[in-house]
PDB file of N, CA and C in Angstrom:
ATOM      1  N   MET A   1      -5.167 -23.515   3.612  1.00  0.00           N
ATOM      2  CA  MET A   1      -3.905 -22.838   3.832  1.00  0.00           C
ATOM      3  C   MET A   1      -4.121 -21.051   3.366  1.00  0.00           C
ATOM      4  N   ALA A   2      -3.448 -20.600   4.730  1.00  0.00           N
ATOM      5  CA  ALA A   2      -3.023 -19.189   5.009  1.00  0.00           C
ATOM      6  C   ALA A   2      -1.947 -18.949   3.042  1.00  0.00           C
ATOM      7  N   LYS A   3      -2.171 -17.616   3.732  1.00  0.00           N
ATOM      8  CA  LYS A   3      -1.674 -16.670   2.777  1.00  0.00           C
ATOM      9  C   LYS A   3      -0.304 -16.358   2.841  1.00  0.00           C
ATOM     10  N   GLU A   4       0.357 -16.393   2.288  1.00  0.00           N
ATOM     11  CA  GLU A   4       1.732 -16.240   2.179  1.00  0.00           C
ATOM     12  C   GLU A   4       2.229 -14.825   2.599  1.00  0.00           C
ATOM     13  N   GLY A   5       1.546 -13.814   1.825  1.00  0.00           N
ATOM     14  CA  GLY A   5       1.629 -12.729   2.009  1.00  0.00           C
ATOM     15  C   GLY A   5       2.766 -11.910   1.289  1.00  0.00           C
ATOM     16  N   TYR A   6       2.952 -10.217   1.567  1.00  0.00           N
ATOM     17  CA  TYR A   6       3.874  -9.602   0.900  1.00  0.00           C
ATOM     18  C   TYR A   6       4.496  -8.582   2.016  1.00  0.00           C
ATOM     19  N   ARG A   7       5.403  -9.028   2.583  1.00  0.00           N
ATOM     20  CA  ARG A   7       6.285  -7.975   3.171  1.00  0.00           C
ATOM     21  C   ARG A   7       7.548  -7.166   2.934  1.00  0.00           C
ATOM     22  N   ALA A   8       6.416  -5.963   3.272  1.00  0.00           N
ATOM     23  CA  ALA A   8       7.891  -4.800   3.304  1.00  0.00           C
ATOM     24  C   ALA A   8       8.657  -3.976   4.885  1.00  0.00           C
ATOM     25  N   LYS A   9       9.416  -2.838   4.346  1.00  0.00           N
ATOM     26  CA  LYS A   9       9.819  -2.302   5.040  1.00  0.00           C
ATOM     27  C   LYS A   9       9.721  -1.021   4.411  1.00  0.00           C
ATOM     28  N   VAL A  10       9.445   0.596   5.154  1.00  0.00           N
ATOM     29  CA  VAL A  10       9.754   1.546   4.740  1.00  0.00           C
ATOM     30  C   VAL A  10      11.117   1.977   4.894  1.00  0.00           C
ATOM     31  N   ILE A  11      11.963   2.521   3.333  1.00  0.00           N
ATOM     32  CA  ILE A  11      12.692   2.470   3.286  1.00  0.00           C
ATOM     33  C   ILE A  11      13.207   4.099   3.411  1.00  0.00           C
ATOM     34  N   SER A  12      12.155   5.242   2.202  1.00  0.00           N
ATOM     35  CA  SER A  12      12.383   6.766   2.643  1.00  0.00           C
ATOM     36  C   SER A  12      10.828   6.792   2.423  1.00  0.00           C
ATOM     37  N   ILE A  13      10.618   8.451   2.650  1.00  0.00           N
ATOM     38  CA  ILE A  13       9.474   8.729   2.293  1.00  0.00           C
ATOM     39  C   ILE A  13       9.614   9.823   1.456  1.00  0.00           C
ATOM     40  N   GLY A  14       9.542   9.874   0.356  1.00  0.00           N
ATOM     41  CA  GLY A  14       9.398  11.451  -0.606  1.00  0.00           C
ATOM     42  C   GLY A  14       9.060  12.699   0.040  1.00  0.00           C
ATOM     43  N   SER A  15       9.288  13.570  -0.206  1.00  0.00           N
ATOM     44  CA  SER A  15       9.082  14.848   0.147  1.00  0.00           C
ATOM     45  C   SER A  15       7.443  15.743   0.115  1.00  0.00           C
ATOM     46  N   SER A  16       6.871  14.761  -1.238  1.00  0.00           N
ATOM     47  CA  SER A  16       5.754  15.688  -0.979  1.00  0.00           C
ATOM     48  C   SER A  16       4.217  14.050  -1.134  1.00  0.00           C
ATOM     49  N   ALA A  17       5.269  13.023  -0.322  1.00  0.00           N
ATOM     50  CA  ALA A  17       4.319  11.994  -0.177  1.00  0.00           C
ATOM     51  C   ALA A  17       3.132  11.782   0.695  1.00  0.00           C
ATOM     52  N   MET A  18       3.094  12.648   1.541  1.00  0.00           N
ATOM     53  CA  MET A  18       2.170  12.649   2.331  1.00  0.00           C
ATOM     54  C   MET A  18       0.880  13.650   2.313  1.00  0.00           C
ATOM     55  N   SER A  19       1.298  14.379   1.166  1.00  0.00           N
ATOM     56  CA  SER A  19       0.505  15.469   0.209  1.00  0.00           C
ATOM     57  C   SER A  19      -1.080  14.822   0.094  1.00  0.00           C
ATOM     58  N   PHE A  20      -0.992  13.376  -0.190  1.00  0.00           N
ATOM     59  CA  PHE A  20      -2.221  13.089  -0.615  1.00  0.00           C
ATOM     60  C   PHE A  20      -2.810  12.563   0.671  1.00  0.00           C
ATOM     61  N   LEU A  21      -2.432  12.782   1.659  1.00  0.00           N
ATOM     62  CA  LEU A  21      -3.517  12.011   2.740  1.00  0.00           C
ATOM     63  C   LEU A  21      -4.791  12.988   2.897  1.00  0.00           C
ATOM     64  N   ASP A  22      -4.530  14.291   2.360  1.00  0.00           N
ATOM     65  CA  ASP A  22      -5.862  14.787   2.416  1.00  0.00           C
ATOM     66  C   ASP A  22      -7.081  13.759   1.645  1.00  0.00           C
ATOM     67  N   GLN A  23      -6.487  13.431   0.613  1.00  0.00           N
ATOM     68  CA  GLN A  23      -7.537  12.777  -0.118  1.00  0.00           C
ATOM     69  C   GLN A  23      -7.667  11.260  -0.039  1.00  0.00           C
ATOM     70  N   LYS A  24      -6.804  10.865   0.995  1.00  0.00           N
ATOM     71  CA  LYS A  24      -7.056   9.511   2.052  1.00  0.00           C
ATOM     72  C   LYS A  24      -6.534   8.438   1.201  1.00  0.00           C
ATOM     73  N   MET A  25      -5.438   8.874   0.681  1.00  0.00           N
ATOM     74  CA  MET A  25      -4.458   8.053   0.020  1.00  0.00           C
ATOM     75  C   MET A  25      -2.980   7.551   0.138  1.00  0.00           C
ATOM     76  N   VAL A  26      -2.111   6.946   0.134  1.00  0.00           N
ATOM     77  CA  VAL A  26      -1.013   6.676   0.199  1.00  0.00           C
ATOM     78  C   VAL A  26      -0.244   6.102  -0.811  1.00  0.00           C
ATOM     79  N   ILE A  27       0.955   6.365  -1.340  1.00  0.00           N
ATOM     80  CA  ILE A  27       1.429   5.668  -2.779  1.00  0.00           C
ATOM     81  C   ILE A  27       2.742   4.902  -1.995  1.00  0.00           C
ATOM     82  N   PHE A  28       2.626   3.630  -2.630  1.00  0.00           N
ATOM     83  CA  PHE A  28       4.019   3.094  -2.275  1.00  0.00           C
ATOM     84  C   PHE A  28       4.727   2.516  -3.206  1.00  0.00           C
ATOM     85  N   PHE A  29       6.041   2.585  -3.269  1.00  0.00           N
ATOM     86  CA  PHE A  29       6.647   2.006  -4.538  1.00  0.00           C
ATOM     87  C   PHE A  29       8.151   1.195  -3.965  1.00  0.00           C
ATOM     88  N   ASP A  30       8.454   0.449  -4.848  1.00  0.00           N
ATOM     89  CA  ASP A  30       9.661  -0.015  -4.926  1.00  0.00           C
ATOM     90  C   ASP A  30      11.139   1.191  -4.420  1.00  0.00           C
ATOM     91  N   HIS A  31      11.799   0.902  -3.349  1.00  0.00           N
ATOM     92  CA  HIS A  31      13.009   1.296  -3.389  1.00  0.00           C
ATOM     93  C   HIS A  31      13.905   1.769  -4.884  1.00  0.00           C
ATOM     94  N   LYS A  32      13.792   1.110  -5.544  1.00  0.00           N
ATOM     95  CA  LYS A  32      14.667   1.272  -6.883  1.00  0.00           C
ATOM     96  C   LYS A  32      13.630   2.363  -7.732  1.00  0.00           C
ATOM     97  N   ALA A  33      12.718   2.282  -7.400  1.00  0.00           N
ATOM     98  CA  ALA A  33      11.464   3.767  -8.459  1.00  0.00           C
ATOM     99  C   ALA A  33      12.558   4.907  -8.877  1.00  0.00           C
ATOM    100  N   GLY A  34      12.399   5.962  -9.675  1.00  0.00           N
ATOM    101  CA  GLY A  34      12.847   6.874 -10.252  1.00  0.00           C
ATOM    102  C   GLY A  34      13.272   8.062  -8.771  1.00  0.00           C
ATOM    103  N   PRO A  35      13.674   9.218  -9.122  1.00  0.00           N
ATOM    104  CA  PRO A  35      13.208  10.067  -8.570  1.00  0.00           C
ATOM    105  C   PRO A  35      12.001  10.868  -8.195  1.00  0.00           C
ATOM    106  N   ASP A  36      11.763  10.625  -9.916  1.00  0.00           N
ATOM    107  CA  ASP A  36      10.190  11.667  -9.932  1.00  0.00           C
ATOM    108  C   ASP A  36       9.293  10.739  -9.337  1.00  0.00           C
ATOM    109  N   ILE A  37       9.003   9.721  -9.245  1.00  0.00           N
ATOM    110  CA  ILE A  37       8.327   8.573  -8.299  1.00  0.00           C
ATOM    111  C   ILE A  37       8.564   8.569  -6.975  1.00  0.00           C
ATOM    112  N   ALA A  38       9.618   8.881  -6.769  1.00  0.00           N
ATOM    113  CA  ALA A  38      10.181   9.006  -5.445  1.00  0.00           C
ATOM    114  C   ALA A  38       9.474   9.768  -4.292  1.00  0.00           C
ATOM    115  N   GLU A  39       9.502  11.135  -5.209  1.00  0.00           N
ATOM    116  CA  GLU A  39       9.281  12.359  -4.242  1.00  0.00           C
ATOM    117  C   GLU A  39       7.832  12.473  -4.075  1.00  0.00           C
ATOM    118  N   PHE A  40       7.091  11.957  -4.865  1.00  0.00           N
ATOM    119  CA  PHE A  40       5.476  11.247  -4.189  1.00  0.00           C
ATOM    120  C   PHE A  40       5.224  10.110  -3.695  1.00  0.00           C
ATOM    121  N   SER A  41       6.227   9.248  -2.824  1.00  0.00           N
ATOM    122  CA  SER A  41       5.293   8.182  -2.602  1.00  0.00           C
ATOM    123  C   SER A  41       6.215   7.418  -1.561  1.00  0.00           C
ATOM    124  N   VAL A  42       6.145   6.805  -0.556  1.00  0.00           N
ATOM    125  CA  VAL A  42       6.415   6.178   0.428  1.00  0.00           C
ATOM    126  C   VAL A  42       7.558   4.747  -0.499  1.00  0.00           C
ATOM    127  N   MET A  43       8.684   5.015  -0.270  1.00  0.00           N
ATOM    128  CA  MET A  43       9.602   3.532  -0.759  1.00  0.00           C
ATOM    129  C   MET A  43       9.587   2.824   0.159  1.00  0.00           C
ATOM    130  N   ILE A  44       9.474   1.474  -0.207  1.00  0.00           N
ATOM    131  CA  ILE A  44       9.493  -0.088   0.772  1.00  0.00           C
ATOM    132  C   ILE A  44      10.399  -0.541  -0.176  1.00  0.00           C
ATOM    133  N   GLU A  45      10.963  -1.554   0.532  1.00  0.00           N
ATOM    134  CA  GLU A  45      12.056  -2.744   0.261  1.00  0.00           C
ATOM    135  C   GLU A  45      10.778  -4.068   0.682  1.00  0.00           C
ATOM    136  N   GLY A  46      10.666  -4.582  -0.171  1.00  0.00           N
ATOM    137  CA  GLY A  46      10.335  -6.209   0.274  1.00  0.00           C
ATOM    138  C   GLY A  46       9.859  -7.082  -0.916  1.00  0.00           C
ATOM    139  N   THR A  47       9.338  -8.085  -0.684  1.00  0.00           N
ATOM    140  CA  THR A  47       9.076  -9.490  -1.355  1.00  0.00           C
ATOM    141  C   THR A  47       7.843  -9.802  -1.141  1.00  0.00           C
ATOM    142  N   GLY A  48       7.028 -11.187  -1.875  1.00  0.00           N
ATOM    143  CA  GLY A  48       6.349 -12.050  -1.451  1.00  0.00           C
ATOM    144  C   GLY A  48       5.121 -12.041  -2.175  1.00  0.00           C
ATOM    145  N   VAL A  49       4.188 -12.859  -1.862  1.00  0.00           N
ATOM    146  CA  VAL A  49       3.118 -13.409  -3.613  1.00  0.00           C
ATOM    147  C   VAL A  49       2.026 -12.679  -3.088  1.00  0.00           C
ATOM    148  N   CYS A  50       1.394 -12.116  -3.925  1.00  0.00           N
ATOM    149  CA  CYS A  50       0.411 -11.235  -4.026  1.00  0.00           C
ATOM    150  C   CYS A  50      -0.995 -11.652  -4.849  1.00  0.00           C
ATOM    151  N   ASP A  51      -2.026 -12.207  -4.109  1.00  0.00           N
ATOM    152  CA  ASP A  51      -2.850 -12.582  -4.616  1.00  0.00           C
ATOM    153  C   ASP A  51      -4.508 -11.870  -3.440  1.00  0.00           C
ATOM    154  N   PHE A  52      -4.217 -10.635  -3.110  1.00  0.00           N
ATOM    155  CA  PHE A  52      -5.150 -10.211  -2.070  1.00  0.00           C
ATOM    156  C   PHE A  52      -6.163  -9.992  -2.504  1.00  0.00           C
ATOM    157  N   GLU A  53      -7.731  -9.714  -1.882  1.00  0.00           N
ATOM    158  CA  GLU A  53      -8.864  -9.613  -1.896  1.00  0.00           C
ATOM    159  C   GLU A  53      -9.363  -9.179  -1.241  1.00  0.00           C
ATOM    160  N   PRO A  54     -10.630  -8.357  -0.818  1.00  0.00           N
ATOM    161  CA  PRO A  54     -11.708  -8.140  -0.004  1.00  0.00           C
ATOM    162  C   PRO A  54     -11.921  -9.341   1.191  1.00  0.00           C
ATOM    163  N   GLY A  55     -11.493  -8.781   2.841  1.00  0.00           N
ATOM    164  CA  GLY A  55     -11.337  -9.116   3.902  1.00  0.00           C
ATOM    165  C   GLY A  55      -9.734  -9.392   4.086  1.00  0.00           C
ATOM    166  N   ASP A  56      -9.213  -9.831   3.254  1.00  0.00           N
ATOM    167  CA  ASP A  56      -7.752  -9.401   3.627  1.00  0.00           C
ATOM    168  C   ASP A  56      -7.129  -8.208   4.468  1.00  0.00           C
ATOM    169  N   SER A  57      -5.583  -8.414   4.983  1.00  0.00           N
ATOM    170  CA  SER A  57      -5.971  -6.726   5.719  1.00  0.00           C
ATOM    171  C   SER A  57      -3.793  -6.662   5.158  1.00  0.00           C
ATOM    172  N   VAL A  58      -4.355  -5.190   5.463  1.00  0.00           N
ATOM    173  CA  VAL A  58      -2.746  -4.446   5.393  1.00  0.00           C
ATOM    174  C   VAL A  58      -2.479  -4.191   6.622  1.00  0.00           C
ATOM    175  N   PHE A  59      -1.238  -4.042   7.248  1.00  0.00           N
ATOM    176  CA  PHE A  59      -1.218  -3.635   8.366  1.00  0.00           C
ATOM    177  C   PHE A  59       0.342  -2.110   8.374  1.00  0.00           C
ATOM    178  N   LEU A  60       0.072  -1.448   8.923  1.00  0.00           N
ATOM    179  CA  LEU A  60       1.115  -0.385   8.688  1.00  0.00           C
ATOM    180  C   LEU A  60       1.510  -0.266  10.131  1.00  0.00           C
ATOM    181  N   GLY A  61       2.744  -1.066  10.243  1.00  0.00           N
ATOM    182  CA  GLY A  61       3.532  -0.900  11.525  1.00  0.00           C
ATOM    183  C   GLY A  61       2.448  -1.968  12.116  1.00  0.00           C
ATOM    184  N   ASP A  62       1.502  -1.471  13.581  1.00  0.00           N
ATOM    185  CA  ASP A  62       1.022  -2.523  14.159  1.00  0.00           C
ATOM    186  C   ASP A  62      -0.924  -1.963  13.570  1.00  0.00           C
ATOM    187  N   GLU A  63      -0.445  -1.134  12.748  1.00  0.00           N
ATOM    188  CA  GLU A  63      -2.243  -0.652  12.716  1.00  0.00           C
ATOM    189  C   GLU A  63      -2.946  -1.525  11.158  1.00  0.00           C
ATOM    190  N   GLN A  64      -4.101  -2.224  11.866  1.00  0.00           N
ATOM    191  CA  GLN A  64      -4.219  -3.309  11.101  1.00  0.00           C
ATOM    192  C   GLN A  64      -5.543  -2.368  10.399  1.00  0.00           C
ATOM    193  N   TYR A  65      -5.542  -2.750   8.425  1.00  0.00           N
ATOM    194  CA  TYR A  65      -6.599  -1.900   8.074  1.00  0.00           C
ATOM    195  C   TYR A  65      -7.629  -3.068   7.115  1.00  0.00           C
ATOM    196  N   LYS A  66      -8.536  -3.622   6.853  1.00  0.00           N
ATOM    197  CA  LYS A  66      -9.310  -4.301   6.570  1.00  0.00           C
ATOM    198  C   LYS A  66      -9.641  -3.822   5.170  1.00  0.00           C
ATOM    199  N   ILE A  67      -9.132  -4.919   4.026  1.00  0.00           N
ATOM    200  CA  ILE A  67      -9.306  -4.417   2.027  1.00  0.00           C
ATOM    201  C   ILE A  67     -10.382  -4.488   2.541  1.00  0.00           C
ATOM    202  N   THR A  68     -11.218  -3.398   1.816  1.00  0.00           N
ATOM    203  CA  THR A  68     -12.557  -3.480   1.234  1.00  0.00           C
ATOM    204  C   THR A  68     -12.807  -3.615  -0.209  1.00  0.00           C
ATOM    205  N   ALA A  69     -11.831  -4.116  -1.483  1.00  0.00           N
ATOM    206  CA  ALA A  69     -11.470  -3.737  -2.751  1.00  0.00           C
ATOM    207  C   ALA A  69      -9.999  -4.254  -3.432  1.00  0.00           C
ATOM    208  N   VAL A  70     -10.260  -4.721  -4.350  1.00  0.00           N
ATOM    209  CA  VAL A  70      -8.679  -4.798  -5.119  1.00  0.00           C
ATOM    210  C   VAL A  70      -8.992  -3.918  -6.637  1.00  0.00           C
ATOM    211  N   GLY A  71      -8.002  -3.756  -7.098  1.00  0.00           N
ATOM    212  CA  GLY A  71      -8.275  -2.625  -8.341  1.00  0.00           C
ATOM    213  C   GLY A  71      -7.642  -4.122  -9.728  1.00  0.00           C
ATOM    214  N   ASP A  72      -8.247  -4.610 -10.625  1.00  0.00           N
ATOM    215  CA  ASP A  72      -7.539  -5.191 -11.522  1.00  0.00           C
ATOM    216  C   ASP A  72      -6.041  -5.807 -11.364  1.00  0.00           C
ATOM    217  N   VAL A  73      -5.143  -4.407 -11.604  1.00  0.00           N
ATOM    218  CA  VAL A  73      -4.075  -4.770 -11.632  1.00  0.00           C
ATOM    219  C   VAL A  73      -2.591  -4.817 -10.092  1.00  0.00           C
ATOM    220  N   SER A  74      -3.837  -4.495  -8.890  1.00  0.00           N
ATOM    221  CA  SER A  74      -3.514  -4.140  -7.906  1.00  0.00           C
ATOM    222  C   SER A  74      -2.180  -5.060  -6.998  1.00  0.00           C
ATOM    223  N   ASN A  75      -2.736  -6.526  -7.537  1.00  0.00           N
ATOM    224  CA  ASN A  75      -1.877  -7.165  -6.815  1.00  0.00           C
ATOM    225  C   ASN A  75      -0.436  -7.915  -7.528  1.00  0.00           C
ATOM    226  N   LYS A  76      -0.859  -7.725  -9.335  1.00  0.00           N
ATOM    227  CA  LYS A  76       0.307  -7.434 -10.383  1.00  0.00           C
ATOM    228  C   LYS A  76       1.446  -6.751  -9.734  1.00  0.00           C
ATOM    229  N   ASN A  77       0.879  -5.193  -9.753  1.00  0.00           N
ATOM    230  CA  ASN A  77       1.916  -4.154  -9.671  1.00  0.00           C
ATOM    231  C   ASN A  77       2.898  -4.272  -8.362  1.00  0.00           C
ATOM    232  N   LEU A  78       2.184  -4.574  -7.146  1.00  0.00           N
ATOM    233  CA  LEU A  78       2.737  -4.721  -5.740  1.00  0.00           C
ATOM    234  C   LEU A  78       3.991  -5.879  -5.779  1.00  0.00           C
ATOM    235  N   GLU A  79       3.793  -7.088  -7.035  1.00  0.00           N
ATOM    236  CA  GLU A  79       4.541  -7.973  -6.511  1.00  0.00           C
ATOM    237  C   GLU A  79       5.607  -7.565  -7.832  1.00  0.00           C
ATOM    238  N   ALA A  80       5.265  -6.858  -8.576  1.00  0.00           N
ATOM    239  CA  ALA A  80       6.079  -6.844 -10.031  1.00  0.00           C
ATOM    240  C   ALA A  80       7.255  -5.973  -9.292  1.00  0.00           C
ATOM    241  N   LEU A  81       6.437  -4.854  -9.124  1.00  0.00           N
ATOM    242  CA  LEU A  81       7.190  -3.572  -8.372  1.00  0.00           C
ATOM    243  C   LEU A  81       6.945  -3.077  -7.673  1.00  0.00           C
ATOM    244  N   GLY A  82       6.680  -3.721  -6.357  1.00  0.00           N
ATOM    245  CA  GLY A  82       6.458  -2.911  -5.394  1.00  0.00           C
ATOM    246  C   GLY A  82       5.464  -1.560  -5.142  1.00  0.00           C
ATOM    247  N   HIS A  83       4.781  -1.880  -5.846  1.00  0.00           N
ATOM    248  CA  HIS A  83       3.394  -0.415  -5.898  1.00  0.00           C
ATOM    249  C   HIS A  83       2.413  -0.760  -5.731  1.00  0.00           C
ATOM    250  N   ALA A  84       1.678   0.359  -4.775  1.00  0.00           N
ATOM    251  CA  ALA A  84       0.344  -0.319  -4.338  1.00  0.00           C
ATOM    252  C   ALA A  84       0.126   1.423  -4.335  1.00  0.00           C
ATOM    253  N   VAL A  85      -1.577   1.740  -4.237  1.00  0.00           N
ATOM    254  CA  VAL A  85      -1.858   2.393  -3.910  1.00  0.00           C
ATOM    255  C   VAL A  85      -2.808   2.428  -2.872  1.00  0.00           C
ATOM    256  N   LEU A  86      -3.014   2.865  -1.901  1.00  0.00           N
ATOM    257  CA  LEU A  86      -3.868   2.231  -1.165  1.00  0.00           C
ATOM    258  C   LEU A  86      -4.474   3.684  -0.441  1.00  0.00           C
ATOM    259  N   ARG A  87      -6.251   3.408  -0.803  1.00  0.00           N
ATOM    260  CA  ARG A  87      -7.008   4.556  -0.014  1.00  0.00           C
ATOM    261  C   ARG A  87      -8.132   4.017   0.521  1.00  0.00           C
ATOM    262  N   PHE A  88      -7.849   4.907   2.008  1.00  0.00           N
ATOM    263  CA  PHE A  88      -8.443   4.444   3.193  1.00  0.00           C
ATOM    264  C   PHE A  88      -9.836   5.319   3.159  1.00  0.00           C
ATOM    265  N   ASP A  89     -11.028   4.085   2.451  1.00  0.00           N
ATOM    266  CA  ASP A  89     -12.234   4.843   2.311  1.00  0.00           C
ATOM    267  C   ASP A  89     -13.396   3.793   2.296  1.00  0.00           C
ATOM    268  N   GLY A  90     -13.041   2.650   2.542  1.00  0.00           N
ATOM    269  CA  GLY A  90     -13.808   1.807   2.196  1.00  0.00           C
ATOM    270  C   GLY A  90     -14.686   1.406   1.469  1.00  0.00           C
ATOM    271  N   LYS A  91     -14.286   1.728   0.106  1.00  0.00           N
ATOM    272  CA  LYS A  91     -14.948   1.666  -0.900  1.00  0.00           C
ATOM    273  C   LYS A  91     -15.126   0.123  -1.147  1.00  0.00           C
ATOM    274  N   SER A  92     -15.951  -0.167  -1.814  1.00  0.00           N
ATOM    275  CA  SER A  92     -16.237  -2.093  -1.844  1.00  0.00           C
ATOM    276  C   SER A  92     -16.323  -2.275  -3.806  1.00  0.00           C
ATOM    277  N   ASP A  93     -16.367  -0.948  -4.138  1.00  0.00           N
ATOM    278  CA  ASP A  93     -15.702  -1.109  -5.681  1.00  0.00           C
ATOM    279  C   ASP A  93     -14.351  -0.459  -6.285  1.00  0.00           C
ATOM    280  N   ALA A  94     -13.199  -0.709  -6.451  1.00  0.00           N
ATOM    281  CA  ALA A  94     -11.835  -0.395  -6.647  1.00  0.00           C
ATOM    282  C   ALA A  94     -12.363   0.687  -7.407  1.00  0.00           C
ATOM    283  N   GLU A  95     -11.879   2.010  -7.611  1.00  0.00           N
ATOM    284  CA  GLU A  95     -12.232   2.882  -8.451  1.00  0.00           C
ATOM    285  C   GLU A  95     -11.046   3.484  -9.676  1.00  0.00           C
ATOM    286  N   LEU A  96     -10.269   2.553  -9.494  1.00  0.00           N
ATOM    287  CA  LEU A  96      -9.063   2.837 -10.335  1.00  0.00           C
ATOM    288  C   LEU A  96      -8.472   0.856 -10.221  1.00  0.00           C
ATOM    289  N   PRO A  97      -8.029   0.659 -11.890  1.00  0.00           N
ATOM    290  CA  PRO A  97      -7.271  -0.966 -12.043  1.00  0.00           C
ATOM    291  C   PRO A  97      -6.213  -1.050 -10.790  1.00  0.00           C
ATOM    292  N   GLY A  98      -5.472   0.078 -10.680  1.00  0.00           N
ATOM    293  CA  GLY A  98      -4.020  -0.200  -9.899  1.00  0.00           C
ATOM    294  C   GLY A  98      -4.472   0.432  -8.256  1.00  0.00           C
ATOM    295  N   THR A  99      -5.531   0.214  -7.726  1.00  0.00           N
ATOM    296  CA  THR A  99      -6.164   1.165  -6.443  1.00  0.00           C
ATOM    297  C   THR A  99      -6.456  -0.141  -5.843  1.00  0.00           C
ATOM    298  N   MET A 100      -6.575  -0.159  -4.409  1.00  0.00           N
ATOM    299  CA  MET A 100      -6.499  -1.358  -3.569  1.00  0.00           C
ATOM    300  C   MET A 100      -7.353  -0.018  -2.413  1.00  0.00           C
ATOM    301  N   HIS A 101      -8.590  -0.652  -1.716  1.00  0.00           N
ATOM    302  CA  HIS A 101      -9.486   0.261  -1.098  1.00  0.00           C
ATOM    303  C   HIS A 101      -9.561  -0.737   0.564  1.00  0.00           C
ATOM    304  N   VAL A 102      -8.845  -0.164   1.339  1.00  0.00           N
ATOM    305  CA  VAL A 102      -9.254  -0.470   2.915  1.00  0.00           C
ATOM    306  C   VAL A 102      -9.947   0.524   3.676  1.00  0.00           C
ATOM    307  N   GLU A 103     -10.396  -0.050   4.783  1.00  0.00           N
ATOM    308  CA  GLU A 103     -11.541   0.264   5.482  1.00  0.00           C
ATOM    309  C   GLU A 103     -11.032   1.960   5.648  1.00  0.00           C
ATOM    310  N   ASP A 104     -12.206   2.499   6.168  1.00  0.00           N
ATOM    311  CA  ASP A 104     -11.703   4.484   6.270  1.00  0.00           C
ATOM    312  C   ASP A 104     -11.741   4.365   8.144  1.00  0.00           C
ATOM    313  N   LYS A 105     -10.794   4.472   8.160  1.00  0.00           N
ATOM    314  CA  LYS A 105      -9.831   4.504   9.312  1.00  0.00           C
ATOM    315  C   LYS A 105      -8.913   5.706   9.510  1.00  0.00           C
ATOM    316  N   PRO A 106      -8.320   6.209  10.658  1.00  0.00           N
ATOM    317  CA  PRO A 106      -7.714   7.069  10.630  1.00  0.00           C
ATOM    318  C   PRO A 106      -6.036   6.391   9.881  1.00  0.00           C
ATOM    319  N   ILE A 107      -5.158   7.447   9.334  1.00  0.00           N
ATOM    320  CA  ILE A 107      -3.916   6.400   8.839  1.00  0.00           C
ATOM    321  C   ILE A 107      -2.826   7.062   9.836  1.00  0.00           C
ATOM    322  N   VAL A 108      -2.490   5.796  10.063  1.00  0.00           N
ATOM    323  CA  VAL A 108      -1.279   6.064  10.994  1.00  0.00           C
ATOM    324  C   VAL A 108       0.170   6.867  10.710  1.00  0.00           C
ATOM    325  N   ASP A 109       0.385   7.534  11.116  1.00  0.00           N
ATOM    326  CA  ASP A 109       1.898   8.121  11.212  1.00  0.00           C
ATOM    327  C   ASP A 109       2.980   7.056  10.588  1.00  0.00           C
ATOM    328  N   ILE A 110       3.042   7.430   9.231  1.00  0.00           N
ATOM    329  CA  ILE A 110       3.855   6.584   8.596  1.00  0.00           C
ATOM    330  C   ILE A 110       5.725   6.527   8.461  1.00  0.00           C
ATOM    331  N   THR A 111       6.273   5.931   8.577  1.00  0.00           N
ATOM    332  CA  THR A 111       7.695   6.667   9.598  1.00  0.00           C
ATOM    333  C   THR A 111       9.021   5.816   8.795  1.00  0.00           C
ATOM    334  N   THR A 112       9.698   6.096   8.423  1.00  0.00           N
ATOM    335  CA  THR A 112      10.900   4.946   7.664  1.00  0.00           C
ATOM    336  C   THR A 112      11.256   3.630   9.048  1.00  0.00           C
ATOM    337  N   GLY A 113      11.369   2.853   8.408  1.00  0.00           N
ATOM    338  CA  GLY A 113      11.524   1.629   9.071  1.00  0.00           C
ATOM    339  C   GLY A 113      10.289   0.837   9.691  1.00  0.00           C
ATOM    340  N   MET A 114       9.004   1.415   8.714  1.00  0.00           N
ATOM    341  CA  MET A 114       8.103   0.999   9.591  1.00  0.00           C
ATOM    342  C   MET A 114       7.667  -0.091   8.997  1.00  0.00           C
ATOM    343  N   SER A 115       6.836  -1.683   9.123  1.00  0.00           N
ATOM    344  CA  SER A 115       6.835  -2.931   8.364  1.00  0.00           C
ATOM    345  C   SER A 115       5.227  -2.173   7.868  1.00  0.00           C
ATOM    346  N   VAL A 116       5.344  -2.956   6.422  1.00  0.00           N
ATOM    347  CA  VAL A 116       4.293  -2.948   5.971  1.00  0.00           C
ATOM    348  C   VAL A 116       3.857  -4.290   5.391  1.00  0.00           C
ATOM    349  N   VAL A 117       2.880  -4.877   5.929  1.00  0.00           N
ATOM    350  CA  VAL A 117       2.375  -6.077   5.418  1.00  0.00           C
ATOM    351  C   VAL A 117       1.195  -6.565   4.817  1.00  0.00           C
ATOM    352  N   PHE A 118       1.361  -6.897   3.818  1.00  0.00           N
ATOM    353  CA  PHE A 118      -0.075  -7.423   3.293  1.00  0.00           C
ATOM    354  C   PHE A 118      -0.794  -8.748   3.696  1.00  0.00           C
ATOM    355  N   CYS A 119      -1.589  -8.973   4.087  1.00  0.00           N
ATOM    356  CA  CYS A 119      -1.911 -10.058   4.435  1.00  0.00           C
ATOM    357  C   CYS A 119      -3.873 -10.786   4.589  1.00  0.00           C
TER     358      CYS A 119
END
């Protein structure tokens, strides 16, 4: 049986959200998060079931990224808070409990209205 997944849309992009690109990192947060968090996050509105594991995928628009590692609380954070920290470094072990690592390839330009799908 296929996984249901988590589907979201980018609502806004914080003024400092793209400052983490040089660290190959993007932070997503539910659009209801406070202004201090919003400044550093890509704000999304989404819903779904989260039980992702290495080998699953994340789509940013049409660009697919294979998940290589999932931190212990990554799924819970995404489902409950719309919060995901994506590291585009291909590591096979999660550095932090809330981090999800995906394959090391260029990060697509993230824009308002873009779809974000974990499946």
